């Protein structure tokens, strides 16, 4: 699959594109979790692209992937800027219909996907095991913690309460990192929220069957994108 690069502030981020075409089609942006990387979404993006005939994109947040050694340099603010930059890259492509861009994330990536909806017109969201602002402690040596200075901007529940698109909240039935209360809070915040569960799954989808179930949820949810 072709590698892509795009700028986020003074940083050059690495990503991967799956699928494509000569006429504008829908696109789905995958956002990985904290201290993870885009590799975990490679097979999911490829399967979704093939199943739905849409473009899928993965990328590494600042301080992740090949830039992991610089993890401590970046805050939530910069990661949100990364996600917005990734969206803008996808929306600017001639093969993308900018009115048909969705976002899918897990844990911290789900939190960032929710925040993205207040900055860009995301058509549809899938949030697996979404973190809340209080779950996250990502501080930067370059900037103060984003949550301290602009709390509403980084409150995913407040953001989702104003979002008019459809949201699927996916719960891992045996998640020891993200409690059921997070799922309830997200569902209560959404105007158009739905809920699905992978019953035996933990926070990380280490069992192939759990991952397969998640991929099928992605395909079903974004089939109308």
C-alpha atoms as a PDB file:
ATOM      1  CA  UNK A   1       0.000   0.000   0.000  1.00  0.00           C
ATOM      2  CA  UNK A   2       1.297   3.488  -0.824  1.00  0.00           C
ATOM      3  CA  UNK A   3       2.876   5.491   1.951  1.00  0.00           C
ATOM      4  CA  UNK A   4       1.795   9.096   2.441  1.00  0.00           C
ATOM      5  CA  UNK A   5       3.277  12.091   4.267  1.00  0.00           C
ATOM      6  CA  UNK A   6       1.698  15.318   5.427  1.00  0.00           C
ATOM      7  CA  UNK A   7       2.605  18.201   7.702  1.00  0.00           C
ATOM      8  CA  UNK A   8       1.204  18.944  11.147  1.00  0.00           C
ATOM      9  CA  UNK A   9       2.712  22.180  12.365  1.00  0.00           C
ATOM     10  CA  UNK A  10       6.475  21.765  12.184  1.00  0.00           C
ATOM     11  CA  UNK A  11       6.199  17.968  12.024  1.00  0.00           C
ATOM     12  CA  UNK A  12       6.087  15.616   9.039  1.00  0.00           C
ATOM     13  CA  UNK A  13       3.780  12.665   9.741  1.00  0.00           C
ATOM     14  CA  UNK A  14       3.801   9.257   8.078  1.00  0.00           C
ATOM     15  CA  UNK A  15       0.708   7.403   6.936  1.00  0.00           C
ATOM     16  CA  UNK A  16      -0.635   4.764   4.576  1.00  0.00           C
ATOM     17  CA  UNK A  17      -3.449   4.844   2.014  1.00  0.00           C
ATOM     18  CA  UNK A  18      -5.658   1.865   1.215  1.00  0.00           C
ATOM     19  CA  UNK A  19      -7.836   1.732  -1.884  1.00  0.00           C
ATOM     20  CA  UNK A  20      -8.582   4.666  -4.139  1.00  0.00           C
ATOM     21  CA  UNK A  21     -10.053   5.561  -7.480  1.00  0.00           C
ATOM     22  CA  UNK A  22     -10.280   8.188 -10.168  1.00  0.00           C
ATOM     23  CA  UNK A  23     -13.688   9.526  -9.098  1.00  0.00           C
ATOM     24  CA  UNK A  24     -14.463  11.020  -5.660  1.00  0.00           C
ATOM     25  CA  UNK A  25     -15.396   8.312  -3.172  1.00  0.00           C
ATOM     26  CA  UNK A  26     -15.883   8.041   0.572  1.00  0.00           C
ATOM     27  CA  UNK A  27     -12.903   7.947   2.918  1.00  0.00           C
ATOM     28  CA  UNK A  28     -12.340   6.608   6.411  1.00  0.00           C
ATOM     29  CA  UNK A  29      -9.620   7.871   8.751  1.00  0.00           C
ATOM     30  CA  UNK A  30      -8.310   5.438  11.389  1.00  0.00           C
ATOM     31  CA  UNK A  31      -6.789   6.925  14.560  1.00  0.00           C
ATOM     32  CA  UNK A  32      -4.651   4.697  16.776  1.00  0.00           C
ATOM     33  CA  UNK A  33      -4.394   4.754  20.559  1.00  0.00           C
ATOM     34  CA  UNK A  34      -1.804   6.134  22.954  1.00  0.00           C
ATOM     35  CA  UNK A  35       1.656   4.537  22.651  1.00  0.00           C
ATOM     36  CA  UNK A  36       0.393   2.462  19.731  1.00  0.00           C
ATOM     37  CA  UNK A  37       0.881   3.094  16.002  1.00  0.00           C
ATOM     38  CA  UNK A  38      -0.803   2.799  12.636  1.00  0.00           C
ATOM     39  CA  UNK A  39       0.387  -0.792  12.106  1.00  0.00           C
ATOM     40  CA  UNK A  40      -2.407  -2.027  14.369  1.00  0.00           C
ATOM     41  CA  UNK A  41      -4.951  -0.701  11.892  1.00  0.00           C
ATOM     42  CA  UNK A  42      -3.307  -1.918   8.684  1.00  0.00           C
ATOM     43  CA  UNK A  43      -5.362  -5.076   8.239  1.00  0.00           C
ATOM     44  CA  UNK A  44      -8.543  -3.345   9.421  1.00  0.00           C
ATOM     45  CA  UNK A  45      -8.082  -0.536   6.912  1.00  0.00           C
ATOM     46  CA  UNK A  46      -7.300  -2.908   4.093  1.00  0.00           C
ATOM     47  CA  UNK A  47     -10.274  -5.181   4.785  1.00  0.00           C
ATOM     48  CA  UNK A  48     -12.651  -2.244   5.122  1.00  0.00           C
ATOM     49  CA  UNK A  49     -11.413  -0.647   1.915  1.00  0.00           C
ATOM     50  CA  UNK A  50     -11.844  -3.880  -0.019  1.00  0.00           C
ATOM     51  CA  UNK A  51     -15.260  -4.661   1.460  1.00  0.00           C
ATOM     52  CA  UNK A  52     -16.783  -1.215   0.940  1.00  0.00           C
ATOM     53  CA  UNK A  53     -14.820   0.115  -2.026  1.00  0.00           C
ATOM     54  CA  UNK A  54     -13.793   3.218  -0.097  1.00  0.00           C
ATOM     55  CA  UNK A  55     -10.457   4.821   0.687  1.00  0.00           C
ATOM     56  CA  UNK A  56      -8.985   4.160   4.135  1.00  0.00           C
ATOM     57  CA  UNK A  57      -6.094   5.965   5.771  1.00  0.00           C
ATOM     58  CA  UNK A  58      -3.884   5.233   8.761  1.00  0.00           C
ATOM     59  CA  UNK A  59      -1.119   7.427  10.212  1.00  0.00           C
ATOM     60  CA  UNK A  60       1.188   7.756  13.206  1.00  0.00           C
ATOM     61  CA  UNK A  61       0.543  10.497  15.728  1.00  0.00           C
ATOM     62  CA  UNK A  62       3.504  12.658  16.733  1.00  0.00           C
ATOM     63  CA  UNK A  63       5.722  10.763  19.164  1.00  0.00           C
ATOM     64  CA  UNK A  64       4.551   7.388  17.836  1.00  0.00           C
ATOM     65  CA  UNK A  65       5.751   4.930  15.211  1.00  0.00           C
ATOM     66  CA  UNK A  66       9.185   5.942  13.927  1.00  0.00           C
ATOM     67  CA  UNK A  67       8.994   9.037  16.167  1.00  0.00           C
ATOM     68  CA  UNK A  68       8.352   7.072  19.393  1.00  0.00           C
ATOM     69  CA  UNK A  69      11.596   8.286  20.981  1.00  0.00           C
ATOM     70  CA  UNK A  70      10.058  11.775  21.125  1.00  0.00           C
ATOM     71  CA  UNK A  71       6.815  10.692  22.804  1.00  0.00           C
ATOM     72  CA  UNK A  72       7.244  13.005  25.811  1.00  0.00           C
ATOM     73  CA  UNK A  73       7.501  16.099  23.608  1.00  0.00           C
ATOM     74  CA  UNK A  74       3.837  16.070  22.574  1.00  0.00           C
ATOM     75  CA  UNK A  75       0.557  16.878  24.300  1.00  0.00           C
ATOM     76  CA  UNK A  76      -3.115  16.289  23.563  1.00  0.00           C
ATOM     77  CA  UNK A  77      -3.158  19.634  21.785  1.00  0.00           C
ATOM     78  CA  UNK A  78      -0.532  18.527  19.279  1.00  0.00           C
ATOM     79  CA  UNK A  79      -2.153  15.141  18.754  1.00  0.00           C
ATOM     80  CA  UNK A  80      -5.467  16.832  17.993  1.00  0.00           C
ATOM     81  CA  UNK A  81      -3.630  19.046  15.505  1.00  0.00           C
ATOM     82  CA  UNK A  82      -2.234  15.865  13.941  1.00  0.00           C
ATOM     83  CA  UNK A  83      -5.727  14.426  13.502  1.00  0.00           C
ATOM     84  CA  UNK A  84      -7.032  17.659  11.969  1.00  0.00           C
ATOM     85  CA  UNK A  85      -4.038  17.722   9.600  1.00  0.00           C
ATOM     86  CA  UNK A  86      -4.713  14.106   8.594  1.00  0.00           C
ATOM     87  CA  UNK A  87      -8.355  14.951   7.891  1.00  0.00           C
ATOM     88  CA  UNK A  88      -7.320  17.955   5.784  1.00  0.00           C
ATOM     89  CA  UNK A  89      -4.901  15.823   3.795  1.00  0.00           C
ATOM     90  CA  UNK A  90      -7.632  13.293   3.028  1.00  0.00           C
ATOM     91  CA  UNK A  91     -10.260  15.956   2.236  1.00  0.00           C
ATOM     92  CA  UNK A  92      -7.930  17.679  -0.251  1.00  0.00           C
ATOM     93  CA  UNK A  93      -7.384  14.568  -2.374  1.00  0.00           C
ATOM     94  CA  UNK A  94      -9.047  14.597  -5.792  1.00  0.00           C
ATOM     95  CA  UNK A  95     -10.231  11.021  -5.188  1.00  0.00           C
ATOM     96  CA  UNK A  96     -12.049  11.932  -1.982  1.00  0.00           C
ATOM     97  CA  UNK A  97     -15.570  13.275  -1.631  1.00  0.00           C
ATOM     98  CA  UNK A  98     -15.101  15.696   1.306  1.00  0.00           C
ATOM     99  CA  UNK A  99     -18.758  15.264   2.286  1.00  0.00           C
ATOM    100  CA  UNK A 100     -18.172  11.537   2.883  1.00  0.00           C
ATOM    101  CA  UNK A 101     -15.315  11.303   5.404  1.00  0.00           C
ATOM    102  CA  UNK A 102     -15.678   9.174   8.531  1.00  0.00           C
ATOM    103  CA  UNK A 103     -13.385   8.571  11.492  1.00  0.00           C
ATOM    104  CA  UNK A 104     -12.712   5.431  13.528  1.00  0.00           C
ATOM    105  CA  UNK A 105     -10.586   5.279  16.667  1.00  0.00           C
ATOM    106  CA  UNK A 106      -9.976   3.260  19.810  1.00  0.00           C
ATOM    107  CA  UNK A 107      -9.250   4.415  23.361  1.00  0.00           C
ATOM    108  CA  UNK A 108      -7.205   7.627  23.081  1.00  0.00           C
ATOM    109  CA  UNK A 109      -7.748   7.522  19.319  1.00  0.00           C
ATOM    110  CA  UNK A 110     -11.513   7.409  19.896  1.00  0.00           C
ATOM    111  CA  UNK A 111     -11.229  10.423  22.198  1.00  0.00           C
ATOM    112  CA  UNK A 112      -9.318  12.310  19.478  1.00  0.00           C
ATOM    113  CA  UNK A 113     -11.853  11.258  16.823  1.00  0.00           C
ATOM    114  CA  UNK A 114     -14.622  12.737  18.962  1.00  0.00           C
ATOM    115  CA  UNK A 115     -12.688  16.013  19.312  1.00  0.00           C
ATOM    116  CA  UNK A 116     -12.115  16.101  15.544  1.00  0.00           C
ATOM    117  CA  UNK A 117     -15.876  16.396  15.014  1.00  0.00           C
ATOM    118  CA  UNK A 118     -15.824  19.912  16.488  1.00  0.00           C
ATOM    119  CA  UNK A 119     -13.134  21.064  14.054  1.00  0.00           C
ATOM    120  CA  UNK A 120     -14.091  19.373  10.802  1.00  0.00           C
ATOM    121  CA  UNK A 121     -17.364  18.071   9.237  1.00  0.00           C
ATOM    122  CA  UNK A 122     -16.895  14.369   9.963  1.00  0.00           C
ATOM    123  CA  UNK A 123     -19.870  12.493   8.539  1.00  0.00           C
ATOM    124  CA  UNK A 124     -19.841   9.508  10.895  1.00  0.00           C
ATOM    125  CA  UNK A 125     -17.889   8.188  13.893  1.00  0.00           C
ATOM    126  CA  UNK A 126     -17.018   4.794  15.361  1.00  0.00           C
ATOM    127  CA  UNK A 127     -15.476   4.973  18.839  1.00  0.00           C
ATOM    128  CA  UNK A 128     -14.194   1.759  20.458  1.00  0.00           C
ATOM    129  CA  UNK A 129     -13.471   1.789  24.185  1.00  0.00           C
ATOM    130  CA  UNK A 130     -13.306   5.602  24.191  1.00  0.00           C
ATOM    131  CA  UNK A 131     -11.220   7.378  26.785  1.00  0.00           C
ATOM    132  CA  UNK A 132     -12.413  10.481  28.607  1.00  0.00           C
ATOM    133  CA  UNK A 133     -10.367  13.622  29.187  1.00  0.00           C
ATOM    134  CA  UNK A 134      -9.816  12.600  32.814  1.00  0.00           C
ATOM    135  CA  UNK A 135      -8.295   9.267  31.714  1.00  0.00           C
ATOM    136  CA  UNK A 136      -5.527  10.975  29.774  1.00  0.00           C
ATOM    137  CA  UNK A 137      -2.245  12.332  31.060  1.00  0.00           C
ATOM    138  CA  UNK A 138      -0.284  13.400  28.019  1.00  0.00           C
ATOM    139  CA  UNK A 139       1.870  16.371  28.892  1.00  0.00           C
ATOM    140  CA  UNK A 140       4.414  18.100  26.736  1.00  0.00           C
ATOM    141  CA  UNK A 141       7.749  19.693  27.554  1.00  0.00           C
ATOM    142  CA  UNK A 142       6.892  22.262  24.844  1.00  0.00           C
ATOM    143  CA  UNK A 143       3.377  23.283  25.913  1.00  0.00           C
ATOM    144  CA  UNK A 144       1.152  23.268  28.944  1.00  0.00           C
ATOM    145  CA  UNK A 145      -1.446  20.514  29.192  1.00  0.00           C
ATOM    146  CA  UNK A 146      -4.215  21.383  26.753  1.00  0.00           C
ATOM    147  CA  UNK A 147      -6.986  20.478  29.181  1.00  0.00           C
ATOM    148  CA  UNK A 148      -5.864  23.115  31.669  1.00  0.00           C
ATOM    149  CA  UNK A 149      -6.225  26.110  29.372  1.00  0.00           C
ATOM    150  CA  UNK A 150      -9.216  25.245  27.140  1.00  0.00           C
ATOM    151  CA  UNK A 151     -11.300  22.639  28.977  1.00  0.00           C
ATOM    152  CA  UNK A 152     -14.334  22.691  26.666  1.00  0.00           C
ATOM    153  CA  UNK A 153     -12.200  22.210  23.559  1.00  0.00           C
ATOM    154  CA  UNK A 154     -10.812  18.979  24.992  1.00  0.00           C
ATOM    155  CA  UNK A 155     -13.995  17.647  26.615  1.00  0.00           C
ATOM    156  CA  UNK A 156     -15.109  14.889  24.244  1.00  0.00           C
ATOM    157  CA  UNK A 157     -18.547  14.601  25.866  1.00  0.00           C
ATOM    158  CA  UNK A 158     -19.263  18.305  25.435  1.00  0.00           C
ATOM    159  CA  UNK A 159     -18.079  18.095  21.838  1.00  0.00           C
ATOM    160  CA  UNK A 160     -20.293  15.100  21.048  1.00  0.00           C
ATOM    161  CA  UNK A 161     -23.337  16.767  22.561  1.00  0.00           C
ATOM    162  CA  UNK A 162     -23.166  19.216  19.643  1.00  0.00           C
ATOM    163  CA  UNK A 163     -22.394  16.647  16.929  1.00  0.00           C
ATOM    164  CA  UNK A 164     -25.265  15.777  14.572  1.00  0.00           C
ATOM    165  CA  UNK A 165     -23.707  12.754  12.855  1.00  0.00           C
ATOM    166  CA  UNK A 166     -24.201   9.111  13.773  1.00  0.00           C
ATOM    167  CA  UNK A 167     -21.889   7.594  16.388  1.00  0.00           C
ATOM    168  CA  UNK A 168     -21.304   3.910  17.170  1.00  0.00           C
ATOM    169  CA  UNK A 169     -19.814   3.262  20.613  1.00  0.00           C
ATOM    170  CA  UNK A 170     -18.141  -0.158  20.739  1.00  0.00           C
ATOM    171  CA  UNK A 171     -17.531  -1.711  24.152  1.00  0.00           C
ATOM    172  CA  UNK A 172     -15.108  -4.490  25.015  1.00  0.00           C
ATOM    173  CA  UNK A 173     -17.008  -6.725  27.422  1.00  0.00           C
ATOM    174  CA  UNK A 174     -14.006  -7.494  29.638  1.00  0.00           C
ATOM    175  CA  UNK A 175     -12.165  -4.201  29.367  1.00  0.00           C
ATOM    176  CA  UNK A 176     -10.026  -3.467  32.446  1.00  0.00           C
ATOM    177  CA  UNK A 177      -8.837  -0.087  31.182  1.00  0.00           C
ATOM    178  CA  UNK A 178     -12.028   1.627  30.017  1.00  0.00           C
ATOM    179  CA  UNK A 179     -14.953   1.102  32.409  1.00  0.00           C
ATOM    180  CA  UNK A 180     -18.588   0.654  31.393  1.00  0.00           C
ATOM    181  CA  UNK A 181     -19.266   4.104  32.849  1.00  0.00           C
ATOM    182  CA  UNK A 182     -17.265   5.631  29.981  1.00  0.00           C
ATOM    183  CA  UNK A 183     -19.519   3.862  27.484  1.00  0.00           C
ATOM    184  CA  UNK A 184     -22.643   5.144  29.247  1.00  0.00           C
ATOM    185  CA  UNK A 185     -21.248   8.682  29.375  1.00  0.00           C
ATOM    186  CA  UNK A 186     -20.516   8.685  25.658  1.00  0.00           C
ATOM    187  CA  UNK A 187     -23.907   7.257  24.757  1.00  0.00           C
ATOM    188  CA  UNK A 188     -25.655   9.843  26.910  1.00  0.00           C
ATOM    189  CA  UNK A 189     -23.667  12.624  25.248  1.00  0.00           C
ATOM    190  CA  UNK A 190     -24.448  11.584  21.658  1.00  0.00           C
ATOM    191  CA  UNK A 191     -27.470  12.919  19.834  1.00  0.00           C
ATOM    192  CA  UNK A 192     -27.467   9.923  17.489  1.00  0.00           C
ATOM    193  CA  UNK A 193     -25.520   7.252  19.352  1.00  0.00           C
ATOM    194  CA  UNK A 194     -25.681   3.474  19.074  1.00  0.00           C
ATOM    195  CA  UNK A 195     -23.993   0.767  21.121  1.00  0.00           C
ATOM    196  CA  UNK A 196     -22.366  -2.559  20.267  1.00  0.00           C
ATOM    197  CA  UNK A 197     -20.307  -4.995  22.345  1.00  0.00           C
ATOM    198  CA  UNK A 198     -17.535  -7.513  21.720  1.00  0.00           C
ATOM    199  CA  UNK A 199     -18.491  -9.634  24.757  1.00  0.00           C
ATOM    200  CA  UNK A 200     -15.284 -11.514  25.612  1.00  0.00           C
ATOM    201  CA  UNK A 201     -12.794  -8.893  24.453  1.00  0.00           C
ATOM    202  CA  UNK A 202     -10.330  -7.046  26.645  1.00  0.00           C
ATOM    203  CA  UNK A 203      -9.100  -3.520  25.968  1.00  0.00           C
ATOM    204  CA  UNK A 204      -6.618  -4.696  23.355  1.00  0.00           C
ATOM    205  CA  UNK A 205      -8.121  -6.996  20.744  1.00  0.00           C
ATOM    206  CA  UNK A 206      -5.434  -9.640  21.121  1.00  0.00           C
ATOM    207  CA  UNK A 207      -7.605 -12.577  20.039  1.00  0.00           C
ATOM    208  CA  UNK A 208      -8.058 -12.806  16.237  1.00  0.00           C
ATOM    209  CA  UNK A 209     -11.759 -13.521  16.740  1.00  0.00           C
ATOM    210  CA  UNK A 210     -12.195 -10.254  18.650  1.00  0.00           C
ATOM    211  CA  UNK A 211     -10.407  -8.323  15.908  1.00  0.00           C
ATOM    212  CA  UNK A 212     -12.514 -10.028  13.243  1.00  0.00           C
ATOM    213  CA  UNK A 213     -15.677  -9.035  15.103  1.00  0.00           C
ATOM    214  CA  UNK A 214     -14.465  -5.454  15.302  1.00  0.00           C
ATOM    215  CA  UNK A 215     -13.684  -5.335  11.581  1.00  0.00           C
ATOM    216  CA  UNK A 216     -17.194  -6.546  10.773  1.00  0.00           C
ATOM    217  CA  UNK A 217     -18.614  -3.797  12.989  1.00  0.00           C
ATOM    218  CA  UNK A 218     -16.527  -1.227  11.101  1.00  0.00           C
ATOM    219  CA  UNK A 219     -17.732  -2.543   7.750  1.00  0.00           C
ATOM    220  CA  UNK A 220     -21.377  -2.588   8.803  1.00  0.00           C
ATOM    221  CA  UNK A 221     -21.265   0.860  10.371  1.00  0.00           C
ATOM    222  CA  UNK A 222     -19.592   2.604   7.453  1.00  0.00           C
ATOM    223  CA  UNK A 223     -21.430   0.727   4.695  1.00  0.00           C
ATOM    224  CA  UNK A 224     -23.497   3.842   3.990  1.00  0.00           C
ATOM    225  CA  UNK A 225     -20.644   6.307   4.234  1.00  0.00           C
END
